[in-house]
Amino acid sequence: MAIEVNATSRSTQGKGASRRLRHAARVPGIVYGGGQDAQPIELDHKELKQQLKLEAFHASILTLNLEGQKQQVLLRDYQMHPWRLDVMHVDFQRVAKDRKIHMKVPLHFVNAEIAPGVKMGGGTVSHVLTELDINCLPADLPEYIEIDLANLQVGHSVHLSELKLPSGVESVQLRAGEDLVVATIQVPRGEAAAEETSEAAAAAAPAPAAEKKPAGGDKK
């Protein structure tokens, strides 16, 4: 999904200048990196606010159109007003085709409804992770990573080591030796509670008394 961000150069800086921009429905921002100087920019608030609603806007290579000059960038940070739905500031980072980038990409879970642990076991899917830290070249950056739950049994989990990542993409945590749980199907609450009650009752029950033999021993 190709997304273009329109921006213009910003010559004035400081809190007062930024406040005046916001009053004019503009958002102050900055683009940096790529071996070039940081460039203050400003963007249309309404347009940027709509783009921030797109999942791909947060995990894709964007085209920044800065007064007719286009460059490839990543959204690196943005600040929202504490209680109003207003964008206060935005940061973009230029990308180089030959340098790997570190990004968080969303996870999309599919086939949960036909997983044996859900369909036959009555379990519920718990998404332990909703995004993944990855390293890759800009050209290999995926918009999302799909997790297929079609074969997941109740009480079982999917780990990072089981994911099929796109070519050229590596998990930052897995490379560091952290094989984290991504998703699991939990035992239904009622069934789990019943098992716990049964186990507790069994543990609390008194041991059967030893059978007493009649005095004088066995009669022949």
Protein backbone atom coordinates (compact mmCIF):
# COMPACT_ATOMS: atom_id res chain seq x y z
CA MET A 1 0.00 0.00 0.00
CA ALA A 2 1.68 3.20 -1.22
CA ILE A 3 1.09 6.18 1.05
CA GLU A 4 2.22 9.71 0.21
CA VAL A 5 2.60 12.37 2.88
CA ASN A 6 2.47 16.01 1.80
CA ALA A 7 4.59 18.51 3.72
CA THR A 8 6.14 21.96 3.41
CA SER A 9 9.32 23.37 4.92
CA ARG A 10 8.98 25.14 8.26
CA SER A 11 11.19 28.18 8.77
CA THR A 12 10.06 29.20 12.26
CA GLN A 13 10.60 27.09 15.38
CA GLY A 14 9.86 27.28 19.06
CA LYS A 15 6.73 26.88 21.21
CA GLY A 16 5.11 30.09 20.03
CA ALA A 17 5.58 29.24 16.35
CA SER A 18 4.29 25.70 16.89
CA ARG A 19 1.24 27.03 18.73
CA ARG A 20 0.43 29.37 15.83
CA LEU A 21 0.74 26.48 13.37
CA ARG A 22 -1.68 24.36 15.36
CA HIS A 23 -4.18 27.22 15.51
CA ALA A 24 -3.98 27.30 11.71
CA ALA A 25 -4.74 23.53 11.53
CA ARG A 26 -1.11 22.69 10.73
CA VAL A 27 1.12 20.15 12.49
CA PRO A 28 4.81 20.87 13.17
CA GLY A 29 7.16 18.02 12.42
CA ILE A 30 10.68 17.03 11.48
CA VAL A 31 12.38 14.68 9.04
CA TYR A 32 15.88 13.45 9.85
CA GLY A 33 18.47 10.79 9.06
CA GLY A 34 19.76 9.44 5.77
CA GLY A 35 23.03 11.33 6.08
CA GLN A 36 21.27 14.69 5.72
CA ASP A 37 20.51 17.53 8.10
CA ALA A 38 17.27 17.47 10.05
CA GLN A 39 14.55 19.44 8.26
CA PRO A 40 11.66 21.10 10.15
CA ILE A 41 8.39 20.57 8.29
CA GLU A 42 4.68 21.24 8.67
CA LEU A 43 1.68 19.19 7.56
CA ASP A 44 -2.08 19.56 7.20
CA HIS A 45 -3.70 18.40 10.45
CA LYS A 46 -6.83 16.86 8.92
CA GLU A 47 -4.90 14.88 6.30
CA LEU A 48 -2.32 13.62 8.79
CA LYS A 49 -4.97 12.66 11.33
CA GLN A 50 -6.74 10.51 8.74
CA GLN A 51 -3.49 8.84 7.72
CA LEU A 52 -2.63 8.00 11.33
CA LYS A 53 -5.79 5.86 11.44
CA LEU A 54 -4.29 3.55 8.79
CA GLU A 55 -2.42 0.55 10.16
CA ALA A 56 -0.05 0.61 7.18
CA PHE A 57 0.94 4.21 7.96
CA HIS A 58 2.73 3.00 11.09
CA ALA A 59 4.61 0.08 9.54
CA SER A 60 5.34 0.97 5.91
CA ILE A 61 7.83 2.90 3.85
CA LEU A 62 6.12 6.24 3.20
CA THR A 63 6.74 8.73 0.41
CA LEU A 64 7.27 12.20 1.85
CA ASN A 65 6.45 14.84 -0.74
CA LEU A 66 8.31 17.90 0.51
CA GLU A 67 7.40 20.72 -1.86
CA GLY A 68 7.72 18.47 -4.92
CA GLN A 69 10.82 16.58 -3.77
CA LYS A 70 9.98 13.02 -2.80
CA GLN A 71 11.90 10.86 -0.35
CA GLN A 72 11.35 7.56 1.41
CA VAL A 73 10.67 7.84 5.13
CA LEU A 74 9.33 5.96 8.15
CA LEU A 75 6.98 7.32 10.78
CA ARG A 76 9.09 7.27 13.93
CA ASP A 77 7.02 9.15 16.50
CA TYR A 78 4.03 11.38 16.98
CA GLN A 79 2.49 13.16 19.95
CA MET A 80 -1.20 13.65 20.64
CA HIS A 81 -2.86 16.26 22.84
CA PRO A 82 -3.48 14.92 26.39
CA TRP A 83 -7.29 15.06 26.08
CA ARG A 84 -8.19 16.38 22.62
CA LEU A 85 -7.82 14.24 19.51
CA ASP A 86 -5.25 16.65 18.07
CA VAL A 87 -1.86 15.72 16.63
CA MET A 88 0.78 17.92 18.26
CA HIS A 89 4.00 16.85 16.51
CA VAL A 90 5.28 14.19 14.13
CA ASP A 91 8.74 12.75 13.37
CA PHE A 92 9.83 11.00 10.17
CA GLN A 93 13.14 9.23 9.47
CA ARG A 94 14.68 9.00 6.02
CA VAL A 95 15.60 5.49 4.92
CA ALA A 96 18.49 4.23 2.82
CA LYS A 97 17.89 1.26 0.51
CA ASP A 98 21.07 -0.53 1.62
CA ARG A 99 20.67 -0.13 5.40
CA LYS A 100 18.55 -2.38 7.59
CA ILE A 101 15.79 -0.80 9.64
CA HIS A 102 14.30 -1.75 13.00
CA MET A 103 10.50 -1.66 13.00
CA LYS A 104 7.45 -2.91 14.83
CA VAL A 105 4.95 -4.53 12.48
CA PRO A 106 1.42 -5.66 13.39
CA LEU A 107 0.44 -9.33 13.65
CA HIS A 108 -2.70 -10.55 11.87
CA PHE A 109 -4.21 -13.74 13.31
CA VAL A 110 -6.23 -15.93 10.93
CA ASN A 111 -8.28 -19.15 11.16
CA ALA A 112 -8.88 -18.86 14.90
CA GLU A 113 -12.51 -19.92 14.39
CA ILE A 114 -11.49 -23.31 12.91
CA ALA A 115 -8.66 -24.05 15.36
CA PRO A 116 -9.34 -27.41 17.12
CA GLY A 117 -8.81 -25.76 20.49
CA VAL A 118 -11.64 -23.33 19.74
CA LYS A 119 -14.00 -25.38 17.56
CA MET A 120 -13.84 -28.65 19.51
CA GLY A 121 -12.14 -27.71 22.77
CA GLY A 122 -14.23 -24.63 23.51
CA GLY A 123 -11.12 -22.60 24.30
CA THR A 124 -10.47 -18.92 23.66
CA VAL A 125 -7.56 -17.41 21.75
CA SER A 126 -5.29 -15.06 23.69
CA HIS A 127 -3.07 -12.76 21.62
CA VAL A 128 0.02 -12.42 23.81
CA LEU A 129 1.79 -10.27 21.20
CA THR A 130 0.05 -7.93 18.77
CA GLU A 131 3.17 -6.64 17.01
CA LEU A 132 6.65 -7.93 16.29
CA ASP A 133 10.06 -6.26 16.44
CA ILE A 134 11.90 -6.98 13.20
CA ASN A 135 15.06 -6.09 11.30
CA CYS A 136 15.12 -5.96 7.51
CA LEU A 137 16.05 -3.89 4.49
CA PRO A 138 13.45 -1.29 3.50
CA ALA A 139 12.47 -3.25 0.40
CA ASP A 140 11.67 -6.31 2.53
CA LEU A 141 9.48 -4.51 5.09
CA PRO A 142 6.09 -6.24 5.36
CA GLU A 143 2.92 -4.29 6.23
CA TYR A 144 2.01 -7.09 8.65
CA ILE A 145 2.86 -10.68 9.53
CA GLU A 146 0.17 -13.34 9.33
CA ILE A 147 -0.19 -15.96 12.06
CA ASP A 148 -2.18 -19.07 11.10
CA LEU A 149 -3.95 -20.64 14.10
CA ALA A 150 -5.73 -23.39 12.13
CA ASN A 151 -3.95 -26.27 13.90
CA LEU A 152 -3.69 -24.88 17.43
CA GLN A 153 -5.01 -27.15 20.19
CA VAL A 154 -6.47 -26.04 23.52
CA GLY A 155 -3.74 -25.36 26.07
CA HIS A 156 -1.10 -25.03 23.34
CA SER A 157 0.80 -21.93 22.18
CA VAL A 158 2.51 -20.49 19.11
CA HIS A 159 6.11 -19.30 19.71
CA LEU A 160 8.28 -16.92 17.72
CA SER A 161 10.37 -19.83 16.43
CA GLU A 162 7.26 -21.26 14.72
CA LEU A 163 6.48 -18.14 12.68
CA LYS A 164 7.07 -18.12 8.94
CA LEU A 165 8.65 -14.72 8.42
CA PRO A 166 9.00 -13.21 4.93
CA SER A 167 12.34 -13.55 3.19
CA GLY A 168 14.93 -11.10 4.55
CA VAL A 169 12.98 -10.45 7.77
CA GLU A 170 14.27 -11.51 11.19
CA SER A 171 12.78 -11.31 14.67
CA VAL A 172 14.80 -9.11 17.03
CA GLN A 173 13.71 -11.07 20.15
CA LEU A 174 14.34 -14.48 18.60
CA ARG A 175 17.80 -13.43 17.48
CA ALA A 176 18.48 -12.42 21.11
CA GLY A 177 17.43 -15.91 22.26
CA GLU A 178 13.91 -14.99 23.43
CA ASP A 179 11.45 -17.48 21.98
CA LEU A 180 8.37 -15.61 23.22
CA VAL A 181 4.79 -16.89 23.16
CA VAL A 182 2.82 -15.15 20.42
CA ALA A 183 -0.64 -16.64 20.97
CA THR A 184 -2.26 -19.39 22.99
CA ILE A 185 -5.63 -21.11 23.30
CA GLN A 186 -6.73 -21.09 26.90
CA VAL A 187 -8.82 -23.73 28.63
CA PRO A 188 -12.44 -22.59 29.12
CA ARG A 189 -12.88 -20.92 32.52
CA GLY A 190 -15.71 -23.17 33.67
CA GLU A 191 -13.79 -26.32 32.82
CA ALA A 192 -10.60 -25.04 34.45
CA ALA A 193 -12.52 -24.09 37.60
CA ALA A 194 -14.19 -27.51 37.73
CA GLU A 195 -10.83 -29.25 37.46
CA GLU A 196 -9.38 -27.09 40.23
CA THR A 197 -12.38 -27.81 42.48
CA SER A 198 -12.12 -31.54 41.81
CA GLU A 199 -8.39 -31.56 42.56
CA ALA A 200 -8.88 -29.54 45.74
CA ALA A 201 -11.65 -31.87 46.92
CA ALA A 202 -9.50 -34.92 46.25
CA ALA A 203 -6.60 -33.43 48.20
CA ALA A 204 -8.85 -32.55 51.16
CA ALA A 205 -10.59 -35.94 51.38
CA PRO A 206 -9.46 -38.09 54.39
CA ALA A 207 -7.44 -41.19 53.65
CA PRO A 208 -9.43 -44.45 53.97
CA ALA A 209 -9.08 -46.08 57.41
CA ALA A 210 -7.05 -49.31 57.60
CA GLU A 211 -9.23 -52.42 58.01
CA LYS A 212 -9.07 -53.79 61.56
CA LYS A 213 -8.51 -57.52 62.09
CA PRO A 214 -10.53 -59.32 64.76
CA ALA A 215 -8.77 -59.92 68.07
CA GLY A 216 -7.09 -63.26 68.33
CA GLY A 217 -6.18 -63.56 64.73
CA ASP A 218 -7.95 -65.35 61.91
CA LYS A 219 -10.26 -68.28 62.74
CA LYS A 220 -9.69 -71.49 60.89
